Amino acid sequence: MPDEAVFNLPEKIISFGTGVLLKGLPYYFVNKAINEGKFNGRILAVKSTPGTTEIESLANQDYLFTLQSKGIQNGQETEETVINASISRILHADASWNEILNAAHNPDLQIV
């Protein structure tokens, strides 16, 4: 499980998208940077496609998700399972646009 202090980090990134590619690449690297003490912020993810099931599911688990990767590195099979805590919350673009605009004015924000 992530360190409890992660849940108190400020939102420093607004990301438009909640798909698998974002979770598997940029969100993975943000989580890794947080864990290594190289970045002290989390992601406000903006869902732009219809439906709220994903938002509700992730909200019920404090926006944590598990990422598992398998591959070969230096000729050896590798496997990694990470509980990712990079997302602070997810807002739906249709329902929460004003809240998203307010978040964009956050002085801690560094990356869009």
PDB file of N, CA and C in Angstrom:
ATOM      1  N   MET A   1       0.841  -1.184   0.000  1.00  0.00           N
ATOM      2  CA  MET A   1       0.000   0.000   0.000  1.00  0.00           C
ATOM      3  C   MET A   1       0.883   1.243   0.000  1.00  0.00           C
ATOM      4  N   PRO A   2       0.388   2.325  -0.577  1.00  0.00           N
ATOM      5  CA  PRO A   2       1.171   3.565  -0.583  1.00  0.00           C
ATOM      6  C   PRO A   2       1.288   4.151   0.820  1.00  0.00           C
ATOM      7  N   ASP A   3       2.341   4.925   0.997  1.00  0.00           N
ATOM      8  CA  ASP A   3       2.530   5.644   2.249  1.00  0.00           C
ATOM      9  C   ASP A   3       1.349   6.588   2.452  1.00  0.00           C
ATOM     10  N   GLU A   4       0.861   6.690   3.663  1.00  0.00           N
ATOM     11  CA  GLU A   4      -0.297   7.531   3.978  1.00  0.00           C
ATOM     12  C   GLU A   4      -0.077   8.993   3.584  1.00  0.00           C
ATOM     13  N   ALA A   5       1.173   9.471   3.612  1.00  0.00           N
ATOM     14  CA  ALA A   5       1.485  10.865   3.272  1.00  0.00           C
ATOM     15  C   ALA A   5       1.139  11.196   1.825  1.00  0.00           C
ATOM     16  N   VAL A   6       1.109  10.188   0.963  1.00  0.00           N
ATOM     17  CA  VAL A   6       0.782  10.412  -0.453  1.00  0.00           C
ATOM     18  C   VAL A   6      -0.598  11.051  -0.593  1.00  0.00           C
ATOM     19  N   PHE A   7      -1.516  10.674   0.264  1.00  0.00           N
ATOM     20  CA  PHE A   7      -2.891  11.157   0.161  1.00  0.00           C
ATOM     21  C   PHE A   7      -3.021  12.642   0.499  1.00  0.00           C
ATOM     22  N   ASN A   8      -1.976  13.229   1.068  1.00  0.00           N
ATOM     23  CA  ASN A   8      -1.994  14.655   1.416  1.00  0.00           C
ATOM     24  C   ASN A   8      -1.228  15.518   0.420  1.00  0.00           C
ATOM     25  N   LEU A   9      -0.677  14.916  -0.621  1.00  0.00           N
ATOM     26  CA  LEU A   9       0.072  15.694  -1.610  1.00  0.00           C
ATOM     27  C   LEU A   9      -0.873  16.577  -2.420  1.00  0.00           C
ATOM     28  N   PRO A  10      -0.422  17.769  -2.809  1.00  0.00           N
ATOM     29  CA  PRO A  10      -1.280  18.663  -3.595  1.00  0.00           C
ATOM     30  C   PRO A  10      -1.419  18.184  -5.035  1.00  0.00           C
ATOM     31  N   GLU A  11      -2.484  18.611  -5.670  1.00  0.00           N
ATOM     32  CA  GLU A  11      -2.656  18.336  -7.098  1.00  0.00           C
ATOM     33  C   GLU A  11      -1.719  19.256  -7.869  1.00  0.00           C
ATOM     34  N   LYS A  12      -0.824  18.656  -8.633  1.00  0.00           N
ATOM     35  CA  LYS A  12       0.123  19.431  -9.424  1.00  0.00           C
ATOM     36  C   LYS A  12      -0.017  19.164 -10.915  1.00  0.00           C
ATOM     37  N   ILE A  13      -0.892  18.218 -11.256  1.00  0.00           N
ATOM     38  CA  ILE A  13      -1.090  17.840 -12.656  1.00  0.00           C
ATOM     39  C   ILE A  13      -2.591  17.759 -12.931  1.00  0.00           C
ATOM     40  N   ILE A  14      -3.012  18.343 -14.042  1.00  0.00           N
ATOM     41  CA  ILE A  14      -4.351  18.065 -14.571  1.00  0.00           C
ATOM     42  C   ILE A  14      -4.138  17.266 -15.844  1.00  0.00           C
ATOM     43  N   SER A  15      -4.756  16.099 -15.888  1.00  0.00           N
ATOM     44  CA  SER A  15      -4.608  15.215 -17.037  1.00  0.00           C
ATOM     45  C   SER A  15      -5.974  14.968 -17.653  1.00  0.00           C
ATOM     46  N   PHE A  16      -6.083  15.174 -18.951  1.00  0.00           N
ATOM     47  CA  PHE A  16      -7.341  14.949 -19.650  1.00  0.00           C
ATOM     48  C   PHE A  16      -7.326  13.537 -20.208  1.00  0.00           C
ATOM     49  N   GLY A  17      -7.951  12.650 -19.484  1.00  0.00           N
ATOM     50  CA  GLY A  17      -8.049  11.257 -19.888  1.00  0.00           C
ATOM     51  C   GLY A  17      -7.879  10.334 -18.701  1.00  0.00           C
ATOM     52  N   THR A  18      -8.535   9.185 -18.787  1.00  0.00           N
ATOM     53  CA  THR A  18      -8.479   8.215 -17.696  1.00  0.00           C
ATOM     54  C   THR A  18      -8.248   6.797 -18.219  1.00  0.00           C
ATOM     55  N   GLY A  19      -7.814   6.703 -19.466  1.00  0.00           N
ATOM     56  CA  GLY A  19      -7.707   5.394 -20.103  1.00  0.00           C
ATOM     57  C   GLY A  19      -6.513   4.576 -19.671  1.00  0.00           C
ATOM     58  N   VAL A  20      -6.474   3.375 -20.173  1.00  0.00           N
ATOM     59  CA  VAL A  20      -5.448   2.401 -19.831  1.00  0.00           C
ATOM     60  C   VAL A  20      -4.052   2.894 -20.217  1.00  0.00           C
ATOM     61  N   LEU A  21      -3.918   3.533 -21.370  1.00  0.00           N
ATOM     62  CA  LEU A  21      -2.605   4.011 -21.800  1.00  0.00           C
ATOM     63  C   LEU A  21      -2.051   5.043 -20.818  1.00  0.00           C
ATOM     64  N   LEU A  22      -2.897   5.959 -20.367  1.00  0.00           N
ATOM     65  CA  LEU A  22      -2.441   6.957 -19.396  1.00  0.00           C
ATOM     66  C   LEU A  22      -2.069   6.301 -18.073  1.00  0.00           C
ATOM     67  N   LYS A  23      -2.864   5.349 -17.636  1.00  0.00           N
ATOM     68  CA  LYS A  23      -2.565   4.667 -16.372  1.00  0.00           C
ATOM     69  C   LYS A  23      -1.293   3.846 -16.473  1.00  0.00           C
ATOM     70  N   GLY A  24      -1.057   3.257 -17.632  1.00  0.00           N
ATOM     71  CA  GLY A  24       0.091   2.382 -17.810  1.00  0.00           C
ATOM     72  C   GLY A  24       1.398   3.096 -18.078  1.00  0.00           C
ATOM     73  N   LEU A  25       1.342   4.335 -18.551  1.00  0.00           N
ATOM     74  CA  LEU A  25       2.592   5.052 -18.864  1.00  0.00           C
ATOM     75  C   LEU A  25       2.763   6.296 -17.996  1.00  0.00           C
ATOM     76  N   PRO A  26       2.156   7.444 -18.322  1.00  0.00           N
ATOM     77  CA  PRO A  26       2.454   8.635 -17.512  1.00  0.00           C
ATOM     78  C   PRO A  26       2.063   8.503 -16.045  1.00  0.00           C
ATOM     79  N   TYR A  27       0.903   7.918 -15.746  1.00  0.00           N
ATOM     80  CA  TYR A  27       0.488   7.801 -14.348  1.00  0.00           C
ATOM     81  C   TYR A  27       1.440   6.861 -13.601  1.00  0.00           C
ATOM     82  N   TYR A  28       1.934   5.834 -14.283  1.00  0.00           N
ATOM     83  CA  TYR A  28       2.918   4.931 -13.694  1.00  0.00           C
ATOM     84  C   TYR A  28       4.186   5.696 -13.306  1.00  0.00           C
ATOM     85  N   PHE A  29       4.661   6.544 -14.218  1.00  0.00           N
ATOM     86  CA  PHE A  29       5.906   7.271 -13.956  1.00  0.00           C
ATOM     87  C   PHE A  29       5.713   8.365 -12.904  1.00  0.00           C
ATOM     88  N   VAL A  30       4.542   8.973 -12.839  1.00  0.00           N
ATOM     89  CA  VAL A  30       4.267   9.935 -11.772  1.00  0.00           C
ATOM     90  C   VAL A  30       4.291   9.208 -10.426  1.00  0.00           C
ATOM     91  N   ASN A  31       3.639   8.059 -10.355  1.00  0.00           N
ATOM     92  CA  ASN A  31       3.630   7.272  -9.124  1.00  0.00           C
ATOM     93  C   ASN A  31       5.051   6.878  -8.718  1.00  0.00           C
ATOM     94  N   LYS A  32       5.842   6.475  -9.693  1.00  0.00           N
ATOM     95  CA  LYS A  32       7.230   6.086  -9.418  1.00  0.00           C
ATOM     96  C   LYS A  32       8.023   7.288  -8.889  1.00  0.00           C
ATOM     97  N   ALA A  33       7.841   8.447  -9.489  1.00  0.00           N
ATOM     98  CA  ALA A  33       8.539   9.656  -9.040  1.00  0.00           C
ATOM     99  C   ALA A  33       8.110  10.032  -7.622  1.00  0.00           C
ATOM    100  N   ILE A  34       6.831   9.880  -7.317  1.00  0.00           N
ATOM    101  CA  ILE A  34       6.350  10.145  -5.961  1.00  0.00           C
ATOM    102  C   ILE A  34       7.052   9.210  -4.978  1.00  0.00           C
ATOM    103  N   ASN A  35       7.066   7.924  -5.295  1.00  0.00           N
ATOM    104  CA  ASN A  35       7.661   6.930  -4.396  1.00  0.00           C
ATOM    105  C   ASN A  35       9.160   7.127  -4.205  1.00  0.00           C
ATOM    106  N   GLU A  36       9.824   7.682  -5.209  1.00  0.00           N
ATOM    107  CA  GLU A  36      11.268   7.919  -5.123  1.00  0.00           C
ATOM    108  C   GLU A  36      11.593   9.304  -4.565  1.00  0.00           C
ATOM    109  N   GLY A  37      10.569  10.071  -4.198  1.00  0.00           N
ATOM    110  CA  GLY A  37      10.783  11.397  -3.631  1.00  0.00           C
ATOM    111  C   GLY A  37      11.212  12.444  -4.644  1.00  0.00           C
ATOM    112  N   LYS A  38      10.953  12.192  -5.915  1.00  0.00           N
ATOM    113  CA  LYS A  38      11.340  13.121  -6.980  1.00  0.00           C
ATOM    114  C   LYS A  38      10.204  14.048  -7.407  1.00  0.00           C
ATOM    115  N   PHE A  39       8.991  13.752  -6.964  1.00  0.00           N
ATOM    116  CA  PHE A  39       7.829  14.575  -7.302  1.00  0.00           C
ATOM    117  C   PHE A  39       6.879  14.518  -6.123  1.00  0.00           C
ATOM    118  N   ASN A  40       6.352  15.652  -5.720  1.00  0.00           N
ATOM    119  CA  ASN A  40       5.470  15.666  -4.551  1.00  0.00           C
ATOM    120  C   ASN A  40       4.090  16.213  -4.904  1.00  0.00           C
ATOM    121  N   GLY A  41       3.463  15.594  -5.877  1.00  0.00           N
ATOM    122  CA  GLY A  41       2.129  16.009  -6.273  1.00  0.00           C
ATOM    123  C   GLY A  41       1.356  14.845  -6.849  1.00  0.00           C
ATOM    124  N   ARG A  42       0.066  15.078  -7.021  1.00  0.00           N
ATOM    125  CA  ARG A  42      -0.798  14.050  -7.586  1.00  0.00           C
ATOM    126  C   ARG A  42      -1.550  14.611  -8.780  1.00  0.00           C
ATOM    127  N   ILE A  43      -2.316  13.758  -9.414  1.00  0.00           N
ATOM    128  CA  ILE A  43      -3.005  14.066 -10.664  1.00  0.00           C
ATOM    129  C   ILE A  43      -4.494  14.254 -10.424  1.00  0.00           C
ATOM    130  N   LEU A  44      -5.026  15.355 -10.939  1.00  0.00           N
ATOM    131  CA  LEU A  44      -6.465  15.513 -11.099  1.00  0.00           C
ATOM    132  C   LEU A  44      -6.761  15.033 -12.509  1.00  0.00           C
ATOM    133  N   ALA A  45      -7.432  13.901 -12.626  1.00  0.00           N
ATOM    134  CA  ALA A  45      -7.753  13.343 -13.939  1.00  0.00           C
ATOM    135  C   ALA A  45      -9.138  13.820 -14.362  1.00  0.00           C
ATOM    136  N   VAL A  46      -9.260  14.174 -15.623  1.00  0.00           N
ATOM    137  CA  VAL A  46     -10.528  14.649 -16.172  1.00  0.00           C
ATOM    138  C   VAL A  46     -11.035  13.599 -17.161  1.00  0.00           C
ATOM    139  N   LYS A  47     -12.187  13.058 -16.869  1.00  0.00           N
ATOM    140  CA  LYS A  47     -12.823  12.085 -17.764  1.00  0.00           C
ATOM    141  C   LYS A  47     -13.712  12.842 -18.733  1.00  0.00           C
ATOM    142  N   SER A  48     -13.491  12.616 -20.013  1.00  0.00           N
ATOM    143  CA  SER A  48     -14.243  13.367 -21.020  1.00  0.00           C
ATOM    144  C   SER A  48     -15.243  12.501 -21.788  1.00  0.00           C
ATOM    145  N   THR A  49     -15.205  11.209 -21.595  1.00  0.00           N
ATOM    146  CA  THR A  49     -16.130  10.329 -22.306  1.00  0.00           C
ATOM    147  C   THR A  49     -17.350  10.022 -21.435  1.00  0.00           C
ATOM    148  N   PRO A  50     -18.453   9.628 -22.032  1.00  0.00           N
ATOM    149  CA  PRO A  50     -19.671   9.364 -21.266  1.00  0.00           C
ATOM    150  C   PRO A  50     -19.504   8.249 -20.240  1.00  0.00           C
ATOM    151  N   GLY A  51     -20.310   8.322 -19.213  1.00  0.00           N
ATOM    152  CA  GLY A  51     -20.346   7.285 -18.192  1.00  0.00           C
ATOM    153  C   GLY A  51     -19.584   7.676 -16.939  1.00  0.00           C
ATOM    154  N   THR A  52     -20.061   7.161 -15.817  1.00  0.00           N
ATOM    155  CA  THR A  52     -19.427   7.475 -14.542  1.00  0.00           C
ATOM    156  C   THR A  52     -18.998   6.233 -13.775  1.00  0.00           C
ATOM    157  N   THR A  53     -19.179   5.057 -14.357  1.00  0.00           N
ATOM    158  CA  THR A  53     -18.855   3.816 -13.658  1.00  0.00           C
ATOM    159  C   THR A  53     -17.398   3.784 -13.224  1.00  0.00           C
ATOM    160  N   GLU A  54     -16.496   4.169 -14.120  1.00  0.00           N
ATOM    161  CA  GLU A  54     -15.067   4.153 -13.782  1.00  0.00           C
ATOM    162  C   GLU A  54     -14.762   5.119 -12.644  1.00  0.00           C
ATOM    163  N   ILE A  55     -15.350   6.289 -12.683  1.00  0.00           N
ATOM    164  CA  ILE A  55     -15.128   7.282 -11.624  1.00  0.00           C
ATOM    165  C   ILE A  55     -15.588   6.717 -10.288  1.00  0.00           C
ATOM    166  N   GLU A  56     -16.777   6.161 -10.264  1.00  0.00           N
ATOM    167  CA  GLU A  56     -17.329   5.608  -9.025  1.00  0.00           C
ATOM    168  C   GLU A  56     -16.494   4.450  -8.515  1.00  0.00           C
ATOM    169  N   SER A  57     -16.072   3.565  -9.409  1.00  0.00           N
ATOM    170  CA  SER A  57     -15.259   2.417  -9.002  1.00  0.00           C
ATOM    171  C   SER A  57     -13.942   2.851  -8.376  1.00  0.00           C
ATOM    172  N   LEU A  58     -13.252   3.775  -9.030  1.00  0.00           N
ATOM    173  CA  LEU A  58     -11.977   4.243  -8.491  1.00  0.00           C
ATOM    174  C   LEU A  58     -12.177   5.066  -7.222  1.00  0.00           C
ATOM    175  N   ALA A  59     -13.236   5.858  -7.148  1.00  0.00           N
ATOM    176  CA  ALA A  59     -13.506   6.639  -5.940  1.00  0.00           C
ATOM    177  C   ALA A  59     -13.702   5.712  -4.743  1.00  0.00           C
ATOM    178  N   ASN A  60     -14.360   4.583  -4.957  1.00  0.00           N
ATOM    179  CA  ASN A  60     -14.595   3.619  -3.882  1.00  0.00           C
ATOM    180  C   ASN A  60     -13.311   2.972  -3.376  1.00  0.00           C
ATOM    181  N   GLN A  61     -12.234   3.095  -4.122  1.00  0.00           N
ATOM    182  CA  GLN A  61     -10.950   2.545  -3.673  1.00  0.00           C
ATOM    183  C   GLN A  61      -9.901   3.647  -3.556  1.00  0.00           C
ATOM    184  N   ASP A  62     -10.357   4.841  -3.171  1.00  0.00           N
ATOM    185  CA  ASP A  62      -9.471   6.005  -2.950  1.00  0.00           C
ATOM    186  C   ASP A  62      -8.620   6.331  -4.172  1.00  0.00           C
ATOM    187  N   TYR A  63      -9.142   6.063  -5.349  1.00  0.00           N
ATOM    188  CA  TYR A  63      -8.481   6.321  -6.637  1.00  0.00           C
ATOM    189  C   TYR A  63      -7.193   5.520  -6.801  1.00  0.00           C
ATOM    190  N   LEU A  64      -7.034   4.476  -6.042  1.00  0.00           N
ATOM    191  CA  LEU A  64      -5.894   3.571  -6.202  1.00  0.00           C
ATOM    192  C   LEU A  64      -6.242   2.553  -7.275  1.00  0.00           C
ATOM    193  N   PHE A  65      -5.235   2.146  -8.041  1.00  0.00           N
ATOM    194  CA  PHE A  65      -5.439   1.071  -9.007  1.00  0.00           C
ATOM    195  C   PHE A  65      -4.164   0.256  -9.093  1.00  0.00           C
ATOM    196  N   THR A  66      -4.315  -0.985  -9.492  1.00  0.00           N
ATOM    197  CA  THR A  66      -3.180  -1.900  -9.586  1.00  0.00           C
ATOM    198  C   THR A  66      -2.731  -1.982 -11.032  1.00  0.00           C
ATOM    199  N   LEU A  67      -1.427  -1.890 -11.208  1.00  0.00           N
ATOM    200  CA  LEU A  67      -0.825  -2.022 -12.534  1.00  0.00           C
ATOM    201  C   LEU A  67       0.161  -3.177 -12.470  1.00  0.00           C
ATOM    202  N   GLN A  68      -0.015  -4.130 -13.366  1.00  0.00           N
ATOM    203  CA  GLN A  68       0.898  -5.263 -13.418  1.00  0.00           C
ATOM    204  C   GLN A  68       1.575  -5.278 -14.776  1.00  0.00           C
ATOM    205  N   SER A  69       2.889  -5.419 -14.758  1.00  0.00           N
ATOM    206  CA  SER A  69       3.633  -5.505 -16.016  1.00  0.00           C
ATOM    207  C   SER A  69       4.511  -6.732 -15.998  1.00  0.00           C
ATOM    208  N   LYS A  70       4.649  -7.320 -17.167  1.00  0.00           N
ATOM    209  CA  LYS A  70       5.501  -8.494 -17.361  1.00  0.00           C
ATOM    210  C   LYS A  70       6.322  -8.262 -18.607  1.00  0.00           C
ATOM    211  N   GLY A  71       7.538  -8.754 -18.592  1.00  0.00           N
ATOM    212  CA  GLY A  71       8.381  -8.586 -19.762  1.00  0.00           C
ATOM    213  C   GLY A  71       9.702  -9.286 -19.609  1.00  0.00           C
ATOM    214  N   ILE A  72      10.641  -8.893 -20.447  1.00  0.00           N
ATOM    215  CA  ILE A  72      11.991  -9.439 -20.412  1.00  0.00           C
ATOM    216  C   ILE A  72      12.959  -8.280 -20.355  1.00  0.00           C
ATOM    217  N   GLN A  73      13.867  -8.345 -19.392  1.00  0.00           N
ATOM    218  CA  GLN A  73      14.883  -7.316 -19.238  1.00  0.00           C
ATOM    219  C   GLN A  73      16.224  -8.014 -19.049  1.00  0.00           C
ATOM    220  N   ASN A  74      17.180  -7.659 -19.906  1.00  0.00           N
ATOM    221  CA  ASN A  74      18.509  -8.290 -19.867  1.00  0.00           C
ATOM    222  C   ASN A  74      18.413  -9.809 -19.946  1.00  0.00           C
ATOM    223  N   GLY A  75      17.493 -10.293 -20.761  1.00  0.00           N
ATOM    224  CA  GLY A  75      17.344 -11.729 -20.965  1.00  0.00           C
ATOM    225  C   GLY A  75      16.602 -12.450 -19.857  1.00  0.00           C
ATOM    226  N   GLN A  76      16.158 -11.749 -18.841  1.00  0.00           N
ATOM    227  CA  GLN A  76      15.453 -12.362 -17.718  1.00  0.00           C
ATOM    228  C   GLN A  76      13.986 -11.913 -17.712  1.00  0.00           C
ATOM    229  N   GLU A  77      13.110 -12.855 -17.409  1.00  0.00           N
ATOM    230  CA  GLU A  77      11.700 -12.493 -17.272  1.00  0.00           C
ATOM    231  C   GLU A  77      11.532 -11.603 -16.047  1.00  0.00           C
ATOM    232  N   THR A  78      10.695 -10.569 -16.199  1.00  0.00           N
ATOM    233  CA  THR A  78      10.414  -9.676 -15.081  1.00  0.00           C
ATOM    234  C   THR A  78       8.917  -9.582 -14.879  1.00  0.00           C
ATOM    235  N   GLU A  79       8.540  -9.283 -13.663  1.00  0.00           N
ATOM    236  CA  GLU A  79       7.144  -9.075 -13.330  1.00  0.00           C
ATOM    237  C   GLU A  79       7.090  -8.047 -12.209  1.00  0.00           C
ATOM    238  N   GLU A  80       6.205  -7.071 -12.357  1.00  0.00           N
ATOM    239  CA  GLU A  80       6.064  -6.023 -11.347  1.00  0.00           C
ATOM    240  C   GLU A  80       4.584  -5.752 -11.122  1.00  0.00           C
ATOM    241  N   THR A  81       4.193  -5.668  -9.866  1.00  0.00           N
ATOM    242  CA  THR A  81       2.837  -5.299  -9.499  1.00  0.00           C
ATOM    243  C   THR A  81       2.926  -4.060  -8.617  1.00  0.00           C
ATOM    244  N   VAL A  82       2.230  -3.006  -9.026  1.00  0.00           N
ATOM    245  CA  VAL A  82       2.295  -1.714  -8.330  1.00  0.00           C
ATOM    246  C   VAL A  82       0.886  -1.252  -8.001  1.00  0.00           C
ATOM    247  N   ILE A  83       0.686  -0.815  -6.774  1.00  0.00           N
ATOM    248  CA  ILE A  83      -0.550  -0.118  -6.429  1.00  0.00           C
ATOM    249  C   ILE A  83      -0.261   1.354  -6.656  1.00  0.00           C
ATOM    250  N   ASN A  84      -0.941   1.926  -7.642  1.00  0.00           N
ATOM    251  CA  ASN A  84      -0.666   3.288  -8.081  1.00  0.00           C
ATOM    252  C   ASN A  84      -1.560   4.277  -7.322  1.00  0.00           C
ATOM    253  N   ALA A  85      -0.911   5.291  -6.730  1.00  0.00           N
ATOM    254  CA  ALA A  85      -1.634   6.305  -5.961  1.00  0.00           C
ATOM    255  C   ALA A  85      -1.462   7.696  -6.565  1.00  0.00           C
ATOM    256  N   SER A  86      -1.194   7.759  -7.858  1.00  0.00           N
ATOM    257  CA  SER A  86      -0.911   9.047  -8.485  1.00  0.00           C
ATOM    258  C   SER A  86      -2.153   9.923  -8.673  1.00  0.00           C
ATOM    259  N   ILE A  87      -3.338   9.330  -8.741  1.00  0.00           N
ATOM    260  CA  ILE A  87      -4.572  10.090  -8.979  1.00  0.00           C
ATOM    261  C   ILE A  87      -5.169  10.534  -7.651  1.00  0.00           C
ATOM    262  N   SER A  88      -5.417  11.830  -7.519  1.00  0.00           N
ATOM    263  CA  SER A  88      -6.061  12.336  -6.306  1.00  0.00           C
ATOM    264  C   SER A  88      -7.579  12.261  -6.417  1.00  0.00           C
ATOM    265  N   ARG A  89      -8.086  12.505  -7.631  1.00  0.00           N
ATOM    266  CA  ARG A  89      -9.524  12.445  -7.884  1.00  0.00           C
ATOM    267  C   ARG A  89      -9.750  12.482  -9.387  1.00  0.00           C
ATOM    268  N   ILE A  90     -10.967  12.119  -9.779  1.00  0.00           N
ATOM    269  CA  ILE A  90     -11.371  12.182 -11.179  1.00  0.00           C
ATOM    270  C   ILE A  90     -12.641  13.018 -11.250  1.00  0.00           C
ATOM    271  N   LEU A  91     -12.642  13.993 -12.143  1.00  0.00           N
ATOM    272  CA  LEU A  91     -13.829  14.798 -12.381  1.00  0.00           C
ATOM    273  C   LEU A  91     -14.313  14.559 -13.806  1.00  0.00           C
ATOM    274  N   HIS A  92     -15.614  14.550 -13.977  1.00  0.00           N
ATOM    275  CA  HIS A  92     -16.193  14.368 -15.312  1.00  0.00           C
ATOM    276  C   HIS A  92     -16.343  15.737 -15.968  1.00  0.00           C
ATOM    277  N   ALA A  93     -15.839  15.878 -17.168  1.00  0.00           N
ATOM    278  CA  ALA A  93     -15.834  17.167 -17.862  1.00  0.00           C
ATOM    279  C   ALA A  93     -17.238  17.747 -18.004  1.00  0.00           C
ATOM    280  N   ASP A  94     -18.217  16.929 -18.307  1.00  0.00           N
ATOM    281  CA  ASP A  94     -19.581  17.435 -18.495  1.00  0.00           C
ATOM    282  C   ASP A  94     -20.199  17.942 -17.194  1.00  0.00           C
ATOM    283  N   ALA A  95     -19.999  17.214 -16.131  1.00  0.00           N
ATOM    284  CA  ALA A  95     -20.680  17.526 -14.872  1.00  0.00           C
ATOM    285  C   ALA A  95     -19.900  18.486 -13.977  1.00  0.00           C
ATOM    286  N   SER A  96     -18.596  18.593 -14.165  1.00  0.00           N
ATOM    287  CA  SER A  96     -17.766  19.339 -13.206  1.00  0.00           C
ATOM    288  C   SER A  96     -16.846  20.357 -13.866  1.00  0.00           C
ATOM    289  N   TRP A  97     -17.250  20.909 -15.000  1.00  0.00           N
ATOM    290  CA  TRP A  97     -16.354  21.801 -15.740  1.00  0.00           C
ATOM    291  C   TRP A  97     -15.921  23.016 -14.918  1.00  0.00           C
ATOM    292  N   ASN A  98     -16.836  23.625 -14.163  1.00  0.00           N
ATOM    293  CA  ASN A  98     -16.460  24.776 -13.339  1.00  0.00           C
ATOM    294  C   ASN A  98     -15.435  24.399 -12.281  1.00  0.00           C
ATOM    295  N   GLU A  99     -15.580  23.232 -11.687  1.00  0.00           N
ATOM    296  CA  GLU A  99     -14.605  22.755 -10.698  1.00  0.00           C
ATOM    297  C   GLU A  99     -13.243  22.507 -11.354  1.00  0.00           C
ATOM    298  N   ILE A 100     -13.253  22.018 -12.577  1.00  0.00           N
ATOM    299  CA  ILE A 100     -12.008  21.806 -13.324  1.00  0.00           C
ATOM    300  C   ILE A 100     -11.333  23.145 -13.609  1.00  0.00           C
ATOM    301  N   LEU A 101     -12.109  24.129 -14.029  1.00  0.00           N
ATOM    302  CA  LEU A 101     -11.553  25.465 -14.281  1.00  0.00           C
ATOM    303  C   LEU A 101     -10.978  26.070 -12.999  1.00  0.00           C
ATOM    304  N   ASN A 102     -11.661  25.876 -11.882  1.00  0.00           N
ATOM    305  CA  ASN A 102     -11.139  26.368 -10.604  1.00  0.00           C
ATOM    306  C   ASN A 102      -9.826  25.683 -10.250  1.00  0.00           C
ATOM    307  N   ALA A 103      -9.740  24.403 -10.500  1.00  0.00           N
ATOM    308  CA  ALA A 103      -8.508  23.659 -10.219  1.00  0.00           C
ATOM    309  C   ALA A 103      -7.357  24.161 -11.080  1.00  0.00           C
ATOM    310  N   ALA A 104      -7.674  24.626 -12.290  1.00  0.00           N
ATOM    311  CA  ALA A 104      -6.629  25.142 -13.186  1.00  0.00           C
ATOM    312  C   ALA A 104      -5.999  26.423 -12.645  1.00  0.00           C
ATOM    313  N   HIS A 105      -6.662  27.084 -11.719  1.00  0.00           N
ATOM    314  CA  HIS A 105      -6.127  28.297 -11.099  1.00  0.00           C
ATOM    315  C   HIS A 105      -5.288  27.985  -9.855  1.00  0.00           C
ATOM    316  N   ASN A 106      -5.157  26.735  -9.501  1.00  0.00           N
ATOM    317  CA  ASN A 106      -4.398  26.316  -8.335  1.00  0.00           C
ATOM    318  C   ASN A 106      -2.924  26.716  -8.522  1.00  0.00           C
ATOM    319  N   PRO A 107      -2.345  27.482  -7.610  1.00  0.00           N
ATOM    320  CA  PRO A 107      -0.946  27.895  -7.766  1.00  0.00           C
ATOM    321  C   PRO A 107       0.062  26.738  -7.704  1.00  0.00           C
ATOM    322  N   ASP A 108      -0.353  25.598  -7.142  1.00  0.00           N
ATOM    323  CA  ASP A 108       0.529  24.425  -7.099  1.00  0.00           C
ATOM    324  C   ASP A 108       0.606  23.704  -8.443  1.00  0.00           C
ATOM    325  N   LEU A 109      -0.337  23.987  -9.338  1.00  0.00           N
ATOM    326  CA  LEU A 109      -0.415  23.291 -10.609  1.00  0.00           C
ATOM    327  C   LEU A 109       0.844  23.543 -11.444  1.00  0.00           C
ATOM    328  N   GLN A 110       1.437  22.469 -11.954  1.00  0.00           N
ATOM    329  CA  GLN A 110       2.667  22.567 -12.738  1.00  0.00           C
ATOM    330  C   GLN A 110       2.527  22.008 -14.150  1.00  0.00           C
ATOM    331  N   ILE A 111       1.636  21.044 -14.334  1.00  0.00           N
ATOM    332  CA  ILE A 111       1.575  20.328 -15.613  1.00  0.00           C
ATOM    333  C   ILE A 111       0.128  20.146 -16.036  1.00  0.00           C
ATOM    334  N   VAL A 112      -0.164  20.437 -17.300  1.00  0.00           N
ATOM    335  CA  VAL A 112      -1.477  20.143 -17.873  1.00  0.00           C
ATOM    336  C   VAL A 112      -1.254  19.196 -19.037  1.00  0.00           C
TER     337      VAL A 112
END
